Amino acid sequence: RKKNFPDAKPLEPVEIDGVEFRFIRNRAYDGNG
């Protein structure tokens, strides 16, 4: 993604481009390690 959501409240509904998203918190990473 071009944009991530490190401050999103876990599992709270967020509307993005007309569709409901809910987010599970996961750590940031680079590459395939």
All heavy atoms as atom14 arrays in JSON, in Angstrom:
{
  "sequence": "RKKNFPDAKPLEPVEIDGVEFRFIRNRAYDGNG",
  "atom14_mask": [
    [1, 1, 1, 1, 1, 1, 1, 1, 1, 1, 1, 0, 0, 0],
    [1, 1, 1, 1, 1, 1, 1, 1, 1, 0, 0, 0, 0, 0],
    [1, 1, 1, 1, 1, 1, 1, 1, 1, 0, 0, 0, 0, 0],
    [1, 1, 1, 1, 1, 1, 1, 1, 0, 0, 0, 0, 0, 0],
    [1, 1, 1, 1, 1, 1, 1, 1, 1, 1, 1, 0, 0, 0],
    [1, 1, 1, 1, 1, 1, 1, 0, 0, 0, 0, 0, 0, 0],
    [1, 1, 1, 1, 1, 1, 1, 1, 0, 0, 0, 0, 0, 0],
    [1, 1, 1, 1, 1, 0, 0, 0, 0, 0, 0, 0, 0, 0],
    [1, 1, 1, 1, 1, 1, 1, 1, 1, 0, 0, 0, 0, 0],
    [1, 1, 1, 1, 1, 1, 1, 0, 0, 0, 0, 0, 0, 0],
    [1, 1, 1, 1, 1, 1, 1, 1, 0, 0, 0, 0, 0, 0],
    [1, 1, 1, 1, 1, 1, 1, 1, 1, 0, 0, 0, 0, 0],
    [1, 1, 1, 1, 1, 1, 1, 0, 0, 0, 0, 0, 0, 0],
    [1, 1, 1, 1, 1, 1, 1, 0, 0, 0, 0, 0, 0, 0],
    [1, 1, 1, 1, 1, 1, 1, 1, 1, 0, 0, 0, 0, 0],
    [1, 1, 1, 1, 1, 1, 1, 1, 0, 0, 0, 0, 0, 0],
    [1, 1, 1, 1, 1, 1, 1, 1, 0, 0, 0, 0, 0, 0],
    [1, 1, 1, 1, 0, 0, 0, 0, 0, 0, 0, 0, 0, 0],
    [1, 1, 1, 1, 1, 1, 1, 0, 0, 0, 0, 0, 0, 0],
    [1, 1, 1, 1, 1, 1, 1, 1, 1, 0, 0, 0, 0, 0],
    [1, 1, 1, 1, 1, 1, 1, 1, 1, 1, 1, 0, 0, 0],
    [1, 1, 1, 1, 1, 1, 1, 1, 1, 1, 1, 0, 0, 0],
    [1, 1, 1, 1, 1, 1, 1, 1, 1, 1, 1, 0, 0, 0],
    [1, 1, 1, 1, 1, 1, 1, 1, 0, 0, 0, 0, 0, 0],
    [1, 1, 1, 1, 1, 1, 1, 1, 1, 1, 1, 0, 0, 0],
    [1, 1, 1, 1, 1, 1, 1, 1, 0, 0, 0, 0, 0, 0],
    [1, 1, 1, 1, 1, 1, 1, 1, 1, 1, 1, 0, 0, 0],
    [1, 1, 1, 1, 1, 0, 0, 0, 0, 0, 0, 0, 0, 0],
    [1, 1, 1, 1, 1, 1, 1, 1, 1, 1, 1, 1, 0, 0],
    [1, 1, 1, 1, 1, 1, 1, 1, 0, 0, 0, 0, 0, 0],
    [1, 1, 1, 1, 0, 0, 0, 0, 0, 0, 0, 0, 0, 0],
    [1, 1, 1, 1, 1, 1, 1, 1, 0, 0, 0, 0, 0, 0],
    [1, 1, 1, 1, 0, 0, 0, 0, 0, 0, 0, 0, 0, 0]
  ],
  "atom14_positions": [
    [[0.81, -1.21, 0.0], [0.0, 0.0, 0.0], [0.85, 1.27, 0.0], [1.96, 1.29, 0.53], [-0.93, 0.01, 1.22], [-2.05, -0.99, 1.16], [-3.17, -0.64, 2.15], [-2.71, -0.58, 3.52], [-2.94, -1.51, 4.44], [-3.65, -2.59, 4.12], [-2.5, -1.37, 5.66], [0.0, 0.0, 0.0], [0.0, 0.0, 0.0], [0.0, 0.0, 0.0]],
    [[0.27, 2.33, -0.55], [0.92, 3.64, -0.5], [0.72, 4.3, 0.85], [1.49, 5.17, 1.24], [0.36, 4.54, -1.6], [0.68, 4.08, -3.01], [0.11, 5.02, -4.05], [-1.39, 4.92, -4.17], [-1.94, 5.68, -5.31], [0.0, 0.0, 0.0], [0.0, 0.0, 0.0], [0.0, 0.0, 0.0], [0.0, 0.0, 0.0], [0.0, 0.0, 0.0]],
    [[-0.34, 3.92, 1.55], [-0.64, 4.5, 2.85], [-0.96, 3.38, 3.83], [-1.69, 2.44, 3.5], [-1.84, 5.44, 2.76], [-2.23, 6.06, 4.1], [-3.45, 6.96, 3.97], [-3.87, 7.52, 5.33], [-5.08, 8.37, 5.24], [0.0, 0.0, 0.0], [0.0, 0.0, 0.0], [0.0, 0.0, 0.0], [0.0, 0.0, 0.0], [0.0, 0.0, 0.0]],
    [[-0.4, 3.48, 5.05], [-0.69, 2.52, 6.1], [-1.34, 3.21, 7.28], [-1.48, 4.44, 7.3], [0.58, 1.76, 6.49], [0.96, 0.72, 5.45], [0.17, -0.16, 5.14], [2.16, 0.83, 4.88], [0.0, 0.0, 0.0], [0.0, 0.0, 0.0], [0.0, 0.0, 0.0], [0.0, 0.0, 0.0], [0.0, 0.0, 0.0], [0.0, 0.0, 0.0]],
    [[-1.75, 2.41, 8.28], [-2.59, 2.93, 9.36], [-2.06, 2.53, 10.74], [-2.73, 1.82, 11.49], [-4.02, 2.43, 9.17], [-4.65, 2.9, 7.9], [-4.46, 2.19, 6.72], [-5.4, 4.05, 7.86], [-5.03, 2.62, 5.52], [-5.97, 4.5, 6.67], [-5.78, 3.79, 5.51], [0.0, 0.0, 0.0], [0.0, 0.0, 0.0], [0.0, 0.0, 0.0]],
    [[-0.84, 3.0, 11.09], [-0.27, 2.59, 12.37], [-1.07, 3.05, 13.58], [-0.97, 2.46, 14.66], [1.12, 3.25, 12.35], [0.99, 4.38, 11.37], [0.04, 3.9, 10.34], [0.0, 0.0, 0.0], [0.0, 0.0, 0.0], [0.0, 0.0, 0.0], [0.0, 0.0, 0.0], [0.0, 0.0, 0.0], [0.0, 0.0, 0.0], [0.0, 0.0, 0.0]],
    [[-1.88, 4.11, 13.42], [-2.64, 4.66, 14.54], [-4.11, 4.25, 14.52], [-4.91, 4.76, 15.32], [-2.53, 6.19, 14.55], [-1.09, 6.67, 14.68], [-0.34, 6.04, 15.45], [-0.72, 7.64, 13.99], [0.0, 0.0, 0.0], [0.0, 0.0, 0.0], [0.0, 0.0, 0.0], [0.0, 0.0, 0.0], [0.0, 0.0, 0.0], [0.0, 0.0, 0.0]],
    [[-4.48, 3.35, 13.63], [-5.88, 2.93, 13.55], [-6.3, 2.18, 14.81], [-5.52, 1.39, 15.36], [-6.09, 2.04, 12.32], [0.0, 0.0, 0.0], [0.0, 0.0, 0.0], [0.0, 0.0, 0.0], [0.0, 0.0, 0.0], [0.0, 0.0, 0.0], [0.0, 0.0, 0.0], [0.0, 0.0, 0.0], [0.0, 0.0, 0.0], [0.0, 0.0, 0.0]],
    [[-7.51, 2.44, 15.27], [-8.04, 1.69, 16.4], [-8.39, 0.28, 15.94], [-9.15, 0.12, 14.97], [-9.28, 2.39, 16.97], [-8.98, 3.73, 17.62], [-10.25, 4.33, 18.21], [-9.94, 5.66, 18.88], [-11.18, 6.27, 19.45], [0.0, 0.0, 0.0], [0.0, 0.0, 0.0], [0.0, 0.0, 0.0], [0.0, 0.0, 0.0], [0.0, 0.0, 0.0]],
    [[-7.85, -0.74, 16.6], [-8.1, -2.12, 16.14], [-9.58, -2.43, 15.99], [-10.37, -2.19, 16.9], [-7.45, -2.97, 17.23], [-6.39, -2.1, 17.81], [-6.96, -0.71, 17.78], [0.0, 0.0, 0.0], [0.0, 0.0, 0.0], [0.0, 0.0, 0.0], [0.0, 0.0, 0.0], [0.0, 0.0, 0.0], [0.0, 0.0, 0.0], [0.0, 0.0, 0.0]],
    [[-9.93, -2.93, 14.81], [-11.26, -3.45, 14.48], [-12.37, -2.41, 14.46], [-13.54, -2.76, 14.3], [-11.64, -4.59, 15.44], [-10.67, -5.79, 15.43], [-11.12, -6.83, 16.44], [-10.61, -6.4, 14.04], [0.0, 0.0, 0.0], [0.0, 0.0, 0.0], [0.0, 0.0, 0.0], [0.0, 0.0, 0.0], [0.0, 0.0, 0.0], [0.0, 0.0, 0.0]],
    [[-12.01, -1.13, 14.57], [-13.03, -0.09, 14.46], [-13.31, 0.19, 12.98], [-12.39, 0.27, 12.17], [-12.57, 1.19, 15.15], [-12.51, 1.08, 16.66], [-13.88, 0.82, 17.28], [-14.85, 1.51, 16.91], [-13.98, -0.11, 18.1], [0.0, 0.0, 0.0], [0.0, 0.0, 0.0], [0.0, 0.0, 0.0], [0.0, 0.0, 0.0], [0.0, 0.0, 0.0]],
    [[-14.58, 0.32, 12.59], [-14.89, 0.53, 11.17], [-14.39, 1.86, 10.65], [-14.52, 2.9, 11.31], [-16.42, 0.45, 11.12], [-16.87, 0.72, 12.52], [-15.79, 0.24, 13.44], [0.0, 0.0, 0.0], [0.0, 0.0, 0.0], [0.0, 0.0, 0.0], [0.0, 0.0, 0.0], [0.0, 0.0, 0.0], [0.0, 0.0, 0.0], [0.0, 0.0, 0.0]],
    [[-13.78, 1.82, 9.46], [-13.3, 3.02, 8.77], [-13.74, 2.91, 7.31], [-13.47, 1.9, 6.66], [-11.76, 3.14, 8.84], [-11.3, 4.4, 8.1], [-11.27, 3.13, 10.27], [0.0, 0.0, 0.0], [0.0, 0.0, 0.0], [0.0, 0.0, 0.0], [0.0, 0.0, 0.0], [0.0, 0.0, 0.0], [0.0, 0.0, 0.0], [0.0, 0.0, 0.0]],
    [[-14.4, 3.93, 6.79], [-14.8, 3.9, 5.38], [-13.7, 4.48, 4.51], [-13.23, 5.6, 4.74], [-16.1, 4.68, 5.16], [-16.59, 4.58, 3.71], [-17.93, 5.24, 3.48], [-18.87, 4.98, 4.26], [-18.02, 6.02, 2.52], [0.0, 0.0, 0.0], [0.0, 0.0, 0.0], [0.0, 0.0, 0.0], [0.0, 0.0, 0.0], [0.0, 0.0, 0.0]],
    [[-13.26, 3.69, 3.52], [-12.22, 4.13, 2.59], [-12.7, 3.86, 1.17], [-13.01, 2.71, 0.83], [-10.89, 3.39, 2.85], [-10.41, 3.63, 4.29], [-9.83, 3.83, 1.86], [-9.2, 2.81, 4.69], [0.0, 0.0, 0.0], [0.0, 0.0, 0.0], [0.0, 0.0, 0.0], [0.0, 0.0, 0.0], [0.0, 0.0, 0.0], [0.0, 0.0, 0.0]],
    [[-12.78, 4.9, 0.39], [-13.23, 4.78, -1.01], [-14.56, 4.02, -1.1], [-14.75, 3.17, -1.97], [-12.17, 4.09, -1.87], [-10.92, 4.95, -2.03], [-11.03, 6.18, -1.94], [-9.84, 4.38, -2.24], [0.0, 0.0, 0.0], [0.0, 0.0, 0.0], [0.0, 0.0, 0.0], [0.0, 0.0, 0.0], [0.0, 0.0, 0.0], [0.0, 0.0, 0.0]],
    [[-15.45, 4.32, -0.15], [-16.8, 3.77, -0.2], [-16.98, 2.38, 0.35], [-18.08, 1.82, 0.27], [0.0, 0.0, 0.0], [0.0, 0.0, 0.0], [0.0, 0.0, 0.0], [0.0, 0.0, 0.0], [0.0, 0.0, 0.0], [0.0, 0.0, 0.0], [0.0, 0.0, 0.0], [0.0, 0.0, 0.0], [0.0, 0.0, 0.0], [0.0, 0.0, 0.0]],
    [[-15.93, 1.79, 0.94], [-16.01, 0.42, 1.48], [-15.54, 0.44, 2.93], [-14.58, 1.13, 3.28], [-15.14, -0.55, 0.65], [-15.1, -1.93, 1.3], [-15.69, -0.66, -0.77], [0.0, 0.0, 0.0], [0.0, 0.0, 0.0], [0.0, 0.0, 0.0], [0.0, 0.0, 0.0], [0.0, 0.0, 0.0], [0.0, 0.0, 0.0], [0.0, 0.0, 0.0]],
    [[-16.2, -0.36, 3.77], [-15.82, -0.44, 5.19], [-14.59, -1.32, 5.38], [-14.57, -2.47, 4.96], [-16.97, -1.01, 6.02], [-16.64, -1.1, 7.52], [-17.77, -1.68, 8.35], [-18.96, -1.4, 8.03], [-17.47, -2.42, 9.31], [0.0, 0.0, 0.0], [0.0, 0.0, 0.0], [0.0, 0.0, 0.0], [0.0, 0.0, 0.0], [0.0, 0.0, 0.0]],
    [[-13.57, -0.75, 6.01], [-12.38, -1.48, 6.42], [-12.38, -1.62, 7.94], [-12.86, -0.74, 8.65], [-11.1, -0.73, 6.03], [-10.65, -0.88, 4.6], [-11.36, -0.28, 3.57], [-9.5, -1.61, 4.3], [-10.94, -0.4, 2.25], [-9.08, -1.74, 2.98], [-9.79, -1.14, 1.96], [0.0, 0.0, 0.0], [0.0, 0.0, 0.0], [0.0, 0.0, 0.0]],
    [[-11.81, -2.72, 8.41], [-11.44, -2.86, 9.82], [-10.01, -3.38, 9.84], [-9.65, -4.24, 9.03], [-12.39, -3.81, 10.55], [-13.83, -3.29, 10.57], [-14.7, -4.04, 11.53], [-16.08, -3.57, 11.46], [-16.92, -3.56, 12.5], [-16.51, -3.98, 13.69], [-18.16, -3.12, 12.36], [0.0, 0.0, 0.0], [0.0, 0.0, 0.0], [0.0, 0.0, 0.0]],
    [[-9.21, -2.86, 10.77], [-7.78, -3.16, 10.76], [-7.35, -3.96, 11.99], [-7.82, -3.72, 13.1], [-6.96, -1.87, 10.7], [-7.09, -1.14, 9.39], [-7.91, -0.03, 9.27], [-6.39, -1.58, 8.27], [-8.03, 0.65, 8.07], [-6.51, -0.92, 7.06], [-7.33, 0.2, 6.96], [0.0, 0.0, 0.0], [0.0, 0.0, 0.0], [0.0, 0.0, 0.0]],
    [[-6.47, -4.92, 11.73], [-5.77, -5.66, 12.79], [-4.35, -5.11, 12.84], [-3.68, -5.0, 11.82], [-5.74, -7.17, 12.48], [-7.17, -7.74, 12.49], [-4.85, -7.91, 13.49], [-7.25, -9.18, 12.03], [0.0, 0.0, 0.0], [0.0, 0.0, 0.0], [0.0, 0.0, 0.0], [0.0, 0.0, 0.0], [0.0, 0.0, 0.0], [0.0, 0.0, 0.0]],
    [[-3.9, -4.77, 14.04], [-2.57, -4.18, 14.18], [-1.48, -5.21, 13.91], [-1.49, -6.31, 14.47], [-2.4, -3.59, 15.58], [-1.14, -2.71, 15.71], [-1.07, -2.06, 17.09], [-2.25, -1.25, 17.37], [-2.46, -0.03, 16.88], [-1.58, 0.49, 16.04], [-3.55, 0.64, 17.2], [0.0, 0.0, 0.0], [0.0, 0.0, 0.0], [0.0, 0.0, 0.0]],
    [[-0.56, -4.85, 13.03], [0.6, -5.7, 12.76], [1.82, -4.81, 12.56], [1.71, -3.67, 12.11], [0.37, -6.57, 11.51], [0.18, -5.76, 10.24], [-0.79, -4.99, 10.12], [1.08, -5.89, 9.29], [0.0, 0.0, 0.0], [0.0, 0.0, 0.0], [0.0, 0.0, 0.0], [0.0, 0.0, 0.0], [0.0, 0.0, 0.0], [0.0, 0.0, 0.0]],
    [[2.97, -5.33, 12.92], [4.18, -4.52, 12.9], [4.59, -4.17, 11.47], [4.32, -4.9, 10.51], [5.33, -5.24, 13.6], [5.9, -6.43, 12.86], [6.78, -7.26, 13.78], [5.94, -7.97, 14.76], [6.42, -8.55, 15.86], [7.71, -8.51, 16.12], [5.6, -9.17, 16.69], [0.0, 0.0, 0.0], [0.0, 0.0, 0.0], [0.0, 0.0, 0.0]],
    [[5.26, -3.02, 11.34], [5.81, -2.6, 10.06], [7.02, -3.46, 9.72], [7.69, -4.0, 10.61], [6.2, -1.13, 10.11], [0.0, 0.0, 0.0], [0.0, 0.0, 0.0], [0.0, 0.0, 0.0], [0.0, 0.0, 0.0], [0.0, 0.0, 0.0], [0.0, 0.0, 0.0], [0.0, 0.0, 0.0], [0.0, 0.0, 0.0], [0.0, 0.0, 0.0]],
    [[7.31, -3.61, 8.44], [8.43, -4.44, 8.0], [8.9, -3.98, 6.64], [8.2, -3.26, 5.91], [8.0, -5.92, 7.92], [6.87, -6.15, 6.95], [7.12, -6.47, 5.61], [5.54, -6.02, 7.35], [6.08, -6.66, 4.71], [4.49, -6.21, 6.46], [4.77, -6.53, 5.14], [3.74, -6.7, 4.25], [0.0, 0.0, 0.0], [0.0, 0.0, 0.0]],
    [[10.09, -4.38, 6.28], [10.64, -4.15, 4.95], [11.13, -5.48, 4.4], [11.72, -6.28, 5.13], [11.81, -3.15, 4.99], [11.35, -1.74, 5.34], [10.43, -1.25, 4.68], [11.92, -1.16, 6.29], [0.0, 0.0, 0.0], [0.0, 0.0, 0.0], [0.0, 0.0, 0.0], [0.0, 0.0, 0.0], [0.0, 0.0, 0.0], [0.0, 0.0, 0.0]],
    [[10.93, -5.7, 3.1], [11.46, -6.9, 2.47], [10.75, -8.17, 2.89], [9.65, -8.15, 3.46], [0.0, 0.0, 0.0], [0.0, 0.0, 0.0], [0.0, 0.0, 0.0], [0.0, 0.0, 0.0], [0.0, 0.0, 0.0], [0.0, 0.0, 0.0], [0.0, 0.0, 0.0], [0.0, 0.0, 0.0], [0.0, 0.0, 0.0], [0.0, 0.0, 0.0]],
    [[11.42, -9.31, 2.62], [10.82, -10.63, 2.86], [11.5, -11.39, 3.98], [11.48, -12.61, 3.99], [10.87, -11.45, 1.56], [9.89, -10.95, 0.53], [8.77, -10.57, 0.86], [10.31, -10.9, -0.72], [0.0, 0.0, 0.0], [0.0, 0.0, 0.0], [0.0, 0.0, 0.0], [0.0, 0.0, 0.0], [0.0, 0.0, 0.0], [0.0, 0.0, 0.0]],
    [[12.09, -10.69, 4.93], [12.79, -11.34, 6.01], [11.91, -11.69, 7.18], [10.67, -11.78, 7.08], [0.0, 0.0, 0.0], [0.0, 0.0, 0.0], [0.0, 0.0, 0.0], [0.0, 0.0, 0.0], [0.0, 0.0, 0.0], [0.0, 0.0, 0.0], [0.0, 0.0, 0.0], [0.0, 0.0, 0.0], [0.0, 0.0, 0.0], [0.0, 0.0, 0.0]]
  ]
}
